[in-house]
N, C-alpha and C. Protein backbone atom coordinates (compact mmCIF):
# COMPACT_ATOMS: atom_id res chain seq x y z
N UNK A 1 -3.87 -25.48 14.61
CA UNK A 1 -2.79 -25.05 13.74
C UNK A 1 -2.70 -23.53 13.78
N UNK A 2 -1.52 -23.03 14.00
CA UNK A 2 -1.29 -21.59 14.06
C UNK A 2 -0.52 -21.15 12.83
N UNK A 3 -1.01 -20.09 12.22
CA UNK A 3 -0.34 -19.54 11.04
C UNK A 3 0.17 -18.15 11.38
N UNK A 4 1.43 -17.94 11.16
CA UNK A 4 2.02 -16.63 11.46
C UNK A 4 1.65 -15.63 10.37
N UNK A 5 1.35 -14.43 10.80
CA UNK A 5 1.04 -13.36 9.84
C UNK A 5 2.31 -12.94 9.13
N UNK A 6 2.21 -12.62 7.84
CA UNK A 6 3.41 -12.18 7.12
C UNK A 6 3.94 -10.87 7.70
N UNK A 7 5.22 -10.75 7.71
CA UNK A 7 5.86 -9.54 8.22
C UNK A 7 6.33 -8.72 7.03
N UNK A 8 5.88 -7.46 6.98
CA UNK A 8 6.30 -6.59 5.89
C UNK A 8 7.69 -6.05 6.17
N UNK A 9 8.54 -6.18 5.20
CA UNK A 9 9.86 -5.57 5.31
C UNK A 9 9.73 -4.10 5.00
N UNK A 10 10.64 -3.32 5.46
CA UNK A 10 10.61 -1.88 5.24
C UNK A 10 10.51 -1.55 3.75
N UNK A 11 11.19 -2.30 2.92
CA UNK A 11 11.18 -2.03 1.48
C UNK A 11 9.84 -2.37 0.83
N UNK A 12 8.99 -3.16 1.52
CA UNK A 12 7.71 -3.54 0.95
C UNK A 12 6.59 -2.56 1.28
N UNK A 13 6.83 -1.65 2.21
CA UNK A 13 5.77 -0.71 2.58
C UNK A 13 5.59 0.33 1.47
N UNK A 14 4.39 0.85 1.40
CA UNK A 14 4.08 1.84 0.38
C UNK A 14 3.63 3.12 1.06
N UNK A 15 4.21 4.21 0.65
CA UNK A 15 3.81 5.51 1.18
C UNK A 15 3.01 6.25 0.13
N UNK A 16 2.39 7.34 0.53
CA UNK A 16 1.65 8.17 -0.42
C UNK A 16 2.57 8.67 -1.52
N UNK A 17 3.80 9.00 -1.14
CA UNK A 17 4.78 9.48 -2.12
C UNK A 17 5.08 8.39 -3.15
N UNK A 18 5.20 7.14 -2.69
CA UNK A 18 5.43 6.02 -3.61
C UNK A 18 4.28 5.89 -4.60
N UNK A 19 3.06 6.04 -4.09
CA UNK A 19 1.88 5.93 -4.95
C UNK A 19 1.87 7.03 -6.01
N UNK A 20 2.18 8.25 -5.61
CA UNK A 20 2.22 9.36 -6.57
C UNK A 20 3.29 9.14 -7.63
N UNK A 21 4.44 8.64 -7.22
CA UNK A 21 5.51 8.35 -8.19
C UNK A 21 5.05 7.27 -9.17
N UNK A 22 4.38 6.25 -8.66
CA UNK A 22 3.88 5.16 -9.51
C UNK A 22 2.87 5.70 -10.51
N UNK A 23 1.97 6.56 -10.05
CA UNK A 23 0.96 7.13 -10.95
C UNK A 23 1.61 7.97 -12.04
N UNK A 24 2.66 8.72 -11.69
CA UNK A 24 3.30 9.56 -12.70
C UNK A 24 4.02 8.71 -13.74
N UNK A 25 4.51 7.53 -13.34
CA UNK A 25 5.15 6.63 -14.30
C UNK A 25 4.13 6.00 -15.23
N UNK A 26 2.91 5.84 -14.73
CA UNK A 26 1.85 5.20 -15.50
C UNK A 26 0.86 6.23 -16.03
N UNK A 27 1.36 7.36 -16.46
CA UNK A 27 0.50 8.47 -16.88
C UNK A 27 -0.41 8.09 -18.05
N UNK A 28 0.01 7.14 -18.86
CA UNK A 28 -0.81 6.76 -20.01
C UNK A 28 -1.86 5.70 -19.65
N UNK A 29 -1.90 5.26 -18.39
CA UNK A 29 -2.88 4.28 -17.95
C UNK A 29 -4.09 5.03 -17.40
N UNK A 30 -5.28 4.65 -17.87
CA UNK A 30 -6.52 5.29 -17.43
C UNK A 30 -7.23 4.34 -16.47
N UNK A 31 -7.56 4.85 -15.29
CA UNK A 31 -8.25 4.02 -14.30
C UNK A 31 -9.75 3.99 -14.59
N UNK A 32 -10.41 3.02 -14.01
CA UNK A 32 -11.86 2.95 -14.13
C UNK A 32 -12.53 4.18 -13.54
N UNK A 33 -11.94 4.72 -12.48
CA UNK A 33 -12.48 5.93 -11.86
C UNK A 33 -12.45 7.12 -12.80
N UNK A 34 -11.38 7.20 -13.60
CA UNK A 34 -11.30 8.29 -14.58
C UNK A 34 -12.33 8.09 -15.69
N UNK A 35 -12.59 6.86 -16.05
CA UNK A 35 -13.62 6.60 -17.06
C UNK A 35 -15.00 6.99 -16.54
N UNK A 36 -15.26 6.68 -15.26
CA UNK A 36 -16.53 7.07 -14.64
C UNK A 36 -16.66 8.59 -14.65
N UNK A 37 -15.60 9.28 -14.27
CA UNK A 37 -15.63 10.75 -14.23
C UNK A 37 -15.85 11.34 -15.62
N UNK A 38 -15.21 10.77 -16.62
CA UNK A 38 -15.41 11.26 -18.00
C UNK A 38 -16.86 11.07 -18.43
N UNK A 39 -17.45 9.93 -18.05
CA UNK A 39 -18.85 9.67 -18.39
C UNK A 39 -19.77 10.66 -17.68
N UNK A 40 -19.49 10.92 -16.41
CA UNK A 40 -20.29 11.90 -15.66
C UNK A 40 -20.19 13.28 -16.30
N UNK A 41 -18.97 13.68 -16.64
CA UNK A 41 -18.75 14.99 -17.27
C UNK A 41 -19.50 15.09 -18.60
N UNK A 42 -19.46 14.01 -19.38
CA UNK A 42 -20.13 14.04 -20.68
C UNK A 42 -21.65 14.13 -20.54
N UNK A 43 -22.18 13.74 -19.38
CA UNK A 43 -23.62 13.85 -19.11
C UNK A 43 -23.98 15.17 -18.44
N UNK A 44 -22.99 16.04 -18.28
CA UNK A 44 -23.27 17.36 -17.73
C UNK A 44 -23.19 17.46 -16.21
N UNK A 45 -22.68 16.43 -15.56
CA UNK A 45 -22.56 16.46 -14.10
C UNK A 45 -21.40 17.38 -13.73
N UNK A 46 -21.67 18.34 -12.82
CA UNK A 46 -20.59 19.23 -12.39
C UNK A 46 -20.28 19.08 -10.90
N UNK A 47 -21.13 18.35 -10.16
CA UNK A 47 -20.93 18.14 -8.73
C UNK A 47 -21.42 16.74 -8.36
N UNK A 48 -20.66 16.05 -7.51
CA UNK A 48 -21.14 14.78 -6.97
C UNK A 48 -21.23 14.90 -5.45
N UNK A 49 -22.21 14.23 -4.87
CA UNK A 49 -22.39 14.17 -3.43
C UNK A 49 -22.09 12.74 -3.02
N UNK A 50 -21.23 12.56 -2.03
CA UNK A 50 -20.72 11.23 -1.74
C UNK A 50 -20.39 11.06 -0.27
N UNK A 51 -20.24 9.82 0.14
CA UNK A 51 -19.66 9.48 1.43
C UNK A 51 -18.30 8.89 1.13
N UNK A 52 -17.29 9.44 1.74
CA UNK A 52 -15.91 9.06 1.45
C UNK A 52 -15.67 7.58 1.76
N UNK A 53 -14.93 6.95 0.88
CA UNK A 53 -14.54 5.57 1.09
C UNK A 53 -13.37 5.22 0.19
N UNK A 54 -12.48 4.40 0.69
CA UNK A 54 -11.29 4.04 -0.07
C UNK A 54 -11.58 3.36 -1.39
N UNK A 55 -12.71 2.68 -1.47
CA UNK A 55 -13.02 1.93 -2.67
C UNK A 55 -13.40 2.82 -3.86
N UNK A 56 -13.62 4.10 -3.63
CA UNK A 56 -13.98 5.00 -4.74
C UNK A 56 -13.00 6.16 -4.90
N UNK A 57 -11.83 6.03 -4.34
CA UNK A 57 -10.83 7.09 -4.44
C UNK A 57 -10.47 7.38 -5.90
N UNK A 58 -10.40 6.36 -6.74
CA UNK A 58 -10.07 6.59 -8.16
C UNK A 58 -11.14 7.45 -8.83
N UNK A 59 -12.39 7.30 -8.43
CA UNK A 59 -13.45 8.14 -8.99
C UNK A 59 -13.23 9.59 -8.55
N UNK A 60 -12.86 9.78 -7.29
CA UNK A 60 -12.56 11.14 -6.81
C UNK A 60 -11.41 11.75 -7.62
N UNK A 61 -10.36 10.97 -7.83
CA UNK A 61 -9.22 11.46 -8.62
C UNK A 61 -9.68 11.87 -10.02
N UNK A 62 -10.50 11.03 -10.63
CA UNK A 62 -11.00 11.34 -11.96
C UNK A 62 -11.86 12.59 -11.97
N UNK A 63 -12.71 12.73 -10.95
CA UNK A 63 -13.57 13.91 -10.86
C UNK A 63 -12.74 15.18 -10.71
N UNK A 64 -11.72 15.12 -9.90
CA UNK A 64 -10.84 16.29 -9.73
C UNK A 64 -10.20 16.64 -11.07
N UNK A 65 -9.70 15.63 -11.77
CA UNK A 65 -9.07 15.88 -13.08
C UNK A 65 -10.05 16.43 -14.10
N UNK A 66 -11.33 16.05 -13.99
CA UNK A 66 -12.35 16.51 -14.94
C UNK A 66 -13.02 17.81 -14.50
N UNK A 67 -12.64 18.32 -13.32
CA UNK A 67 -13.22 19.57 -12.84
C UNK A 67 -14.59 19.41 -12.19
N UNK A 68 -14.91 18.21 -11.77
CA UNK A 68 -16.19 17.94 -11.10
C UNK A 68 -15.99 18.17 -9.60
N UNK A 69 -16.88 18.96 -9.00
CA UNK A 69 -16.79 19.23 -7.56
C UNK A 69 -17.25 18.01 -6.78
N UNK A 70 -16.61 17.80 -5.62
CA UNK A 70 -16.94 16.68 -4.75
C UNK A 70 -17.43 17.23 -3.42
N UNK A 71 -18.64 16.84 -3.02
CA UNK A 71 -19.19 17.25 -1.73
C UNK A 71 -19.32 15.99 -0.89
N UNK A 72 -18.60 15.99 0.24
CA UNK A 72 -18.59 14.82 1.12
C UNK A 72 -19.38 15.13 2.37
């Protein structure tokens, strides 16, 4: 049995600009990454050392917003 992969229509694609617009519309929504960054900041963390990965981008965003330096 062969299953065809779904085809994305042009209107279904997401660009970085789309993501930024979505985030600005949801300004009152706090991500888990921002909560992690707030907790780190409250514990006195001013720098994190990390290996970059898409699964923790929200933490990076939160750290930037909280003024925590990121060393990759």
